[in-house]
Amino acid sequence: MGDGRRRQDGTRRKAAIEDLVEPRDGAHHEQRVTQWLNLVERWFAELTGKMIRRGVFHSVGDLVQAIEEYLRVHNDDPKPFVWTTTAEPILEKVRRGRVTLQQTANQN
């Protein structure tokens, strides 16, 4: 955001958001954003699988309290996310997805 662009509203926030959505420096920037989003998505999947699906919540407040407790426990002993699969199963899913999309496109 060091280019000094300003919007009519006098803030740079909109420009910063636009940079995330439409980066000027190409694929490298998109790759970093995609990796970050994948990690966020993975973290929420873990939160859902380990805490939300196993719990019973009688109110939104109960759910919020449970999430905060999960965060506290998780942050007390954090562990890095480690991939446990090779690229081949992922690429196979991509191939199957492409075949399905192509079949769907051919039907229409």
N, C-alpha and C. Protein backbone atom coordinates (compact mmCIF):
# COMPACT_ATOMS: atom_id res chain seq x y z
N MET A 1 0.82 -1.18 0.00
CA MET A 1 0.00 0.00 0.00
C MET A 1 0.86 1.24 0.00
N GLY A 2 2.13 1.12 -0.30
CA GLY A 2 3.03 2.24 -0.26
C GLY A 2 2.95 3.16 -1.45
N ASP A 3 2.00 2.94 -2.36
CA ASP A 3 1.93 3.78 -3.54
C ASP A 3 1.21 5.10 -3.29
N GLY A 4 0.65 5.30 -2.11
CA GLY A 4 0.04 6.56 -1.74
C GLY A 4 -1.31 6.84 -2.40
N ARG A 5 -1.92 5.82 -2.99
CA ARG A 5 -3.23 6.04 -3.62
C ARG A 5 -4.25 6.42 -2.55
N ARG A 6 -5.07 7.39 -2.86
CA ARG A 6 -6.12 7.80 -1.95
C ARG A 6 -7.45 7.76 -2.70
N ARG A 7 -8.47 7.41 -2.00
CA ARG A 7 -9.81 7.39 -2.56
C ARG A 7 -10.52 8.69 -2.19
N GLN A 8 -11.67 8.91 -2.80
CA GLN A 8 -12.42 10.13 -2.54
C GLN A 8 -12.80 10.27 -1.07
N ASP A 9 -12.99 9.16 -0.38
CA ASP A 9 -13.38 9.24 1.03
C ASP A 9 -12.18 9.53 1.93
N GLY A 10 -10.99 9.70 1.36
CA GLY A 10 -9.83 10.10 2.13
C GLY A 10 -9.14 8.97 2.87
N THR A 11 -9.51 7.72 2.62
CA THR A 11 -8.86 6.61 3.30
C THR A 11 -8.16 5.73 2.30
N ARG A 12 -7.27 4.93 2.79
CA ARG A 12 -6.56 3.97 1.95
C ARG A 12 -7.11 2.57 2.12
N ARG A 13 -8.06 2.40 3.02
CA ARG A 13 -8.59 1.07 3.33
C ARG A 13 -9.19 0.41 2.09
N LYS A 14 -9.97 1.16 1.33
CA LYS A 14 -10.59 0.59 0.14
C LYS A 14 -9.54 0.11 -0.84
N ALA A 15 -8.47 0.88 -1.01
CA ALA A 15 -7.40 0.49 -1.91
C ALA A 15 -6.73 -0.79 -1.42
N ALA A 16 -6.56 -0.92 -0.10
CA ALA A 16 -5.96 -2.12 0.45
C ALA A 16 -6.84 -3.34 0.19
N ILE A 17 -8.14 -3.18 0.33
CA ILE A 17 -9.07 -4.29 0.07
C ILE A 17 -9.03 -4.64 -1.42
N GLU A 18 -9.02 -3.63 -2.27
CA GLU A 18 -8.96 -3.89 -3.71
C GLU A 18 -7.68 -4.63 -4.07
N ASP A 19 -6.58 -4.31 -3.38
CA ASP A 19 -5.32 -5.00 -3.64
C ASP A 19 -5.44 -6.49 -3.32
N LEU A 20 -6.21 -6.84 -2.29
CA LEU A 20 -6.40 -8.25 -1.96
C LEU A 20 -7.26 -8.94 -3.01
N VAL A 21 -8.29 -8.24 -3.47
CA VAL A 21 -9.21 -8.83 -4.44
C VAL A 21 -8.60 -8.83 -5.84
N GLU A 22 -7.96 -7.72 -6.21
CA GLU A 22 -7.35 -7.58 -7.53
C GLU A 22 -5.91 -7.10 -7.37
N PRO A 23 -5.00 -8.00 -6.99
CA PRO A 23 -3.63 -7.57 -6.73
C PRO A 23 -2.95 -7.07 -8.01
N ARG A 24 -2.10 -6.08 -7.82
CA ARG A 24 -1.38 -5.52 -8.96
C ARG A 24 -0.12 -6.29 -9.29
N ASP A 25 0.42 -7.02 -8.33
CA ASP A 25 1.70 -7.67 -8.57
C ASP A 25 1.56 -9.12 -9.01
N GLY A 26 0.41 -9.52 -9.47
CA GLY A 26 0.24 -10.78 -10.17
C GLY A 26 0.08 -12.01 -9.30
N ALA A 27 0.44 -13.15 -9.89
CA ALA A 27 0.15 -14.46 -9.31
C ALA A 27 0.85 -14.69 -7.98
N HIS A 28 2.02 -14.12 -7.79
CA HIS A 28 2.73 -14.35 -6.53
C HIS A 28 1.89 -13.88 -5.35
N HIS A 29 1.30 -12.70 -5.49
CA HIS A 29 0.46 -12.15 -4.42
C HIS A 29 -0.77 -13.03 -4.24
N GLU A 30 -1.39 -13.44 -5.33
CA GLU A 30 -2.57 -14.29 -5.25
C GLU A 30 -2.25 -15.60 -4.56
N GLN A 31 -1.08 -16.14 -4.82
CA GLN A 31 -0.69 -17.40 -4.20
C GLN A 31 -0.59 -17.24 -2.70
N ARG A 32 0.00 -16.14 -2.23
CA ARG A 32 0.12 -15.93 -0.78
C ARG A 32 -1.25 -15.80 -0.15
N VAL A 33 -2.15 -15.07 -0.77
CA VAL A 33 -3.50 -14.90 -0.24
C VAL A 33 -4.22 -16.24 -0.22
N THR A 34 -4.08 -17.01 -1.30
CA THR A 34 -4.73 -18.31 -1.37
C THR A 34 -4.20 -19.24 -0.29
N GLN A 35 -2.90 -19.25 -0.07
CA GLN A 35 -2.34 -20.10 0.98
C GLN A 35 -2.88 -19.70 2.34
N TRP A 36 -2.97 -18.41 2.59
CA TRP A 36 -3.47 -17.93 3.87
C TRP A 36 -4.93 -18.34 4.04
N LEU A 37 -5.74 -18.16 3.00
CA LEU A 37 -7.15 -18.54 3.08
C LEU A 37 -7.30 -20.04 3.29
N ASN A 38 -6.45 -20.83 2.65
CA ASN A 38 -6.50 -22.28 2.86
C ASN A 38 -6.23 -22.64 4.31
N LEU A 39 -5.25 -21.96 4.92
CA LEU A 39 -4.95 -22.23 6.33
C LEU A 39 -6.11 -21.83 7.23
N VAL A 40 -6.72 -20.70 6.93
CA VAL A 40 -7.88 -20.25 7.72
C VAL A 40 -9.02 -21.26 7.59
N GLU A 41 -9.27 -21.69 6.35
CA GLU A 41 -10.32 -22.68 6.12
C GLU A 41 -10.03 -23.98 6.85
N ARG A 42 -8.79 -24.41 6.82
CA ARG A 42 -8.39 -25.64 7.50
C ARG A 42 -8.57 -25.51 9.00
N TRP A 43 -8.23 -24.35 9.54
CA TRP A 43 -8.37 -24.13 10.98
C TRP A 43 -9.84 -24.19 11.40
N PHE A 44 -10.72 -23.56 10.61
CA PHE A 44 -12.14 -23.61 10.93
C PHE A 44 -12.70 -25.03 10.79
N ALA A 45 -12.18 -25.79 9.85
CA ALA A 45 -12.60 -27.19 9.73
C ALA A 45 -12.20 -27.97 10.97
N GLU A 46 -11.02 -27.70 11.48
CA GLU A 46 -10.57 -28.37 12.71
C GLU A 46 -11.43 -27.94 13.90
N LEU A 47 -11.71 -26.66 14.01
CA LEU A 47 -12.57 -26.15 15.08
C LEU A 47 -13.94 -26.82 15.01
N THR A 48 -14.48 -26.92 13.82
CA THR A 48 -15.80 -27.53 13.64
C THR A 48 -15.77 -29.01 14.01
N GLY A 49 -14.76 -29.72 13.51
CA GLY A 49 -14.69 -31.16 13.76
C GLY A 49 -14.39 -31.54 15.20
N LYS A 50 -13.55 -30.76 15.85
CA LYS A 50 -13.12 -31.13 17.21
C LYS A 50 -13.99 -30.53 18.31
N MET A 51 -14.71 -29.45 18.02
CA MET A 51 -15.44 -28.80 19.09
C MET A 51 -16.91 -28.60 18.78
N ILE A 52 -17.23 -28.02 17.67
CA ILE A 52 -18.61 -27.65 17.41
C ILE A 52 -19.51 -28.87 17.21
N ARG A 53 -19.08 -29.82 16.41
CA ARG A 53 -19.93 -31.00 16.15
C ARG A 53 -20.08 -31.89 17.37
N ARG A 54 -19.14 -31.82 18.27
CA ARG A 54 -19.19 -32.67 19.46
C ARG A 54 -19.96 -32.02 20.61
N GLY A 55 -20.28 -30.75 20.48
CA GLY A 55 -20.88 -30.03 21.59
C GLY A 55 -22.39 -29.90 21.47
N VAL A 56 -22.98 -29.52 22.59
CA VAL A 56 -24.40 -29.19 22.65
C VAL A 56 -24.47 -27.77 23.18
N PHE A 57 -25.09 -26.89 22.43
CA PHE A 57 -25.13 -25.48 22.79
C PHE A 57 -26.58 -25.02 22.85
N HIS A 58 -26.97 -24.52 23.99
CA HIS A 58 -28.35 -24.11 24.19
C HIS A 58 -28.58 -22.66 23.82
N SER A 59 -27.51 -21.93 23.55
CA SER A 59 -27.64 -20.53 23.15
C SER A 59 -26.40 -20.12 22.37
N VAL A 60 -26.47 -18.98 21.73
CA VAL A 60 -25.32 -18.44 21.02
C VAL A 60 -24.20 -18.15 22.02
N GLY A 61 -24.58 -17.67 23.19
CA GLY A 61 -23.60 -17.40 24.24
C GLY A 61 -22.82 -18.64 24.64
N ASP A 62 -23.54 -19.79 24.72
CA ASP A 62 -22.86 -21.06 25.03
C ASP A 62 -21.86 -21.42 23.94
N LEU A 63 -22.25 -21.22 22.70
CA LEU A 63 -21.36 -21.51 21.57
C LEU A 63 -20.13 -20.61 21.60
N VAL A 64 -20.34 -19.33 21.82
CA VAL A 64 -19.23 -18.38 21.89
C VAL A 64 -18.28 -18.76 23.02
N GLN A 65 -18.84 -19.10 24.16
CA GLN A 65 -18.02 -19.50 25.32
C GLN A 65 -17.21 -20.76 25.00
N ALA A 66 -17.82 -21.72 24.31
CA ALA A 66 -17.12 -22.94 23.95
C ALA A 66 -15.99 -22.66 22.96
N ILE A 67 -16.24 -21.78 22.00
CA ILE A 67 -15.19 -21.43 21.03
C ILE A 67 -14.04 -20.72 21.73
N GLU A 68 -14.35 -19.82 22.63
CA GLU A 68 -13.30 -19.11 23.37
C GLU A 68 -12.48 -20.08 24.22
N GLU A 69 -13.14 -21.07 24.81
CA GLU A 69 -12.41 -22.07 25.60
C GLU A 69 -11.52 -22.91 24.69
N TYR A 70 -12.03 -23.29 23.53
CA TYR A 70 -11.22 -24.04 22.57
C TYR A 70 -9.98 -23.23 22.17
N LEU A 71 -10.17 -21.93 21.91
CA LEU A 71 -9.05 -21.07 21.56
C LEU A 71 -8.02 -21.01 22.68
N ARG A 72 -8.50 -20.89 23.91
CA ARG A 72 -7.58 -20.81 25.04
C ARG A 72 -6.76 -22.09 25.15
N VAL A 73 -7.41 -23.22 25.09
CA VAL A 73 -6.72 -24.51 25.19
C VAL A 73 -5.78 -24.70 24.01
N HIS A 74 -6.25 -24.38 22.81
CA HIS A 74 -5.45 -24.54 21.60
C HIS A 74 -4.20 -23.65 21.66
N ASN A 75 -4.36 -22.43 22.16
CA ASN A 75 -3.24 -21.50 22.21
C ASN A 75 -2.27 -21.81 23.35
N ASP A 76 -2.73 -22.55 24.36
CA ASP A 76 -1.82 -22.95 25.44
C ASP A 76 -0.75 -23.91 24.94
N ASP A 77 -1.10 -24.74 23.97
CA ASP A 77 -0.16 -25.72 23.42
C ASP A 77 -0.31 -25.78 21.90
N PRO A 78 0.07 -24.71 21.20
CA PRO A 78 -0.14 -24.68 19.75
C PRO A 78 0.78 -25.65 19.02
N LYS A 79 0.26 -26.20 17.94
CA LYS A 79 1.05 -27.10 17.10
C LYS A 79 0.87 -26.66 15.65
N PRO A 80 1.93 -26.69 14.87
CA PRO A 80 1.81 -26.29 13.47
C PRO A 80 1.00 -27.32 12.69
N PHE A 81 0.31 -26.85 11.67
CA PHE A 81 -0.42 -27.75 10.80
C PHE A 81 0.58 -28.45 9.89
N VAL A 82 0.49 -29.77 9.81
CA VAL A 82 1.40 -30.56 8.98
C VAL A 82 0.56 -31.34 7.98
N TRP A 83 0.90 -31.20 6.70
CA TRP A 83 0.20 -31.97 5.68
C TRP A 83 0.48 -33.45 5.88
N THR A 84 -0.54 -34.26 5.79
CA THR A 84 -0.36 -35.70 5.99
C THR A 84 -0.64 -36.48 4.72
N THR A 85 -0.75 -35.80 3.62
CA THR A 85 -1.02 -36.47 2.36
C THR A 85 -0.02 -36.01 1.32
N THR A 86 0.08 -36.79 0.26
CA THR A 86 0.93 -36.39 -0.86
C THR A 86 0.08 -35.63 -1.87
N ALA A 87 0.70 -35.10 -2.86
CA ALA A 87 -0.01 -34.34 -3.88
C ALA A 87 -0.89 -35.23 -4.76
N GLU A 88 -0.53 -36.49 -4.91
CA GLU A 88 -1.26 -37.35 -5.86
C GLU A 88 -2.75 -37.49 -5.56
N PRO A 89 -3.19 -37.76 -4.32
CA PRO A 89 -4.64 -37.85 -4.07
C PRO A 89 -5.36 -36.53 -4.37
N ILE A 90 -4.70 -35.42 -4.09
CA ILE A 90 -5.31 -34.12 -4.36
C ILE A 90 -5.45 -33.92 -5.86
N LEU A 91 -4.39 -34.23 -6.61
CA LEU A 91 -4.45 -34.09 -8.06
C LEU A 91 -5.48 -35.02 -8.68
N GLU A 92 -5.64 -36.21 -8.11
CA GLU A 92 -6.66 -37.14 -8.61
C GLU A 92 -8.06 -36.55 -8.42
N LYS A 93 -8.30 -35.91 -7.29
CA LYS A 93 -9.60 -35.26 -7.05
C LYS A 93 -9.82 -34.14 -8.05
N VAL A 94 -8.77 -33.40 -8.36
CA VAL A 94 -8.88 -32.33 -9.35
C VAL A 94 -9.23 -32.92 -10.71
N ARG A 95 -8.59 -34.02 -11.08
CA ARG A 95 -8.88 -34.67 -12.37
C ARG A 95 -10.34 -35.13 -12.43
N ARG A 96 -10.80 -35.77 -11.36
CA ARG A 96 -12.20 -36.22 -11.32
C ARG A 96 -13.16 -35.04 -11.40
N GLY A 97 -12.81 -33.95 -10.72
CA GLY A 97 -13.66 -32.76 -10.77
C GLY A 97 -13.74 -32.18 -12.17
N ARG A 98 -12.62 -32.16 -12.87
CA ARG A 98 -12.61 -31.66 -14.25
C ARG A 98 -13.46 -32.52 -15.16
N VAL A 99 -13.37 -33.83 -14.99
CA VAL A 99 -14.17 -34.75 -15.81
C VAL A 99 -15.66 -34.49 -15.55
N THR A 100 -16.03 -34.35 -14.30
CA THR A 100 -17.43 -34.09 -13.95
C THR A 100 -17.90 -32.77 -14.53
N LEU A 101 -17.08 -31.74 -14.42
CA LEU A 101 -17.45 -30.44 -14.99
C LEU A 101 -17.60 -30.52 -16.50
N GLN A 102 -16.70 -31.24 -17.14
CA GLN A 102 -16.78 -31.38 -18.60
C GLN A 102 -18.04 -32.14 -18.99
N GLN A 103 -18.38 -33.20 -18.26
CA GLN A 103 -19.60 -33.95 -18.55
C GLN A 103 -20.83 -33.08 -18.36
N THR A 104 -20.83 -32.28 -17.32
CA THR A 104 -21.95 -31.37 -17.06
C THR A 104 -22.07 -30.33 -18.17
N ALA A 105 -20.96 -29.79 -18.60
CA ALA A 105 -20.97 -28.79 -19.68
C ALA A 105 -21.47 -29.41 -20.98
N ASN A 106 -21.12 -30.65 -21.25
CA ASN A 106 -21.53 -31.33 -22.48
C ASN A 106 -23.02 -31.64 -22.48
N GLN A 107 -23.62 -31.82 -21.29
CA GLN A 107 -25.04 -32.13 -21.18
C GLN A 107 -25.90 -30.90 -21.47
N ASN A 108 -25.35 -29.73 -21.23
CA ASN A 108 -26.14 -28.50 -21.40
C ASN A 108 -26.01 -27.98 -22.77
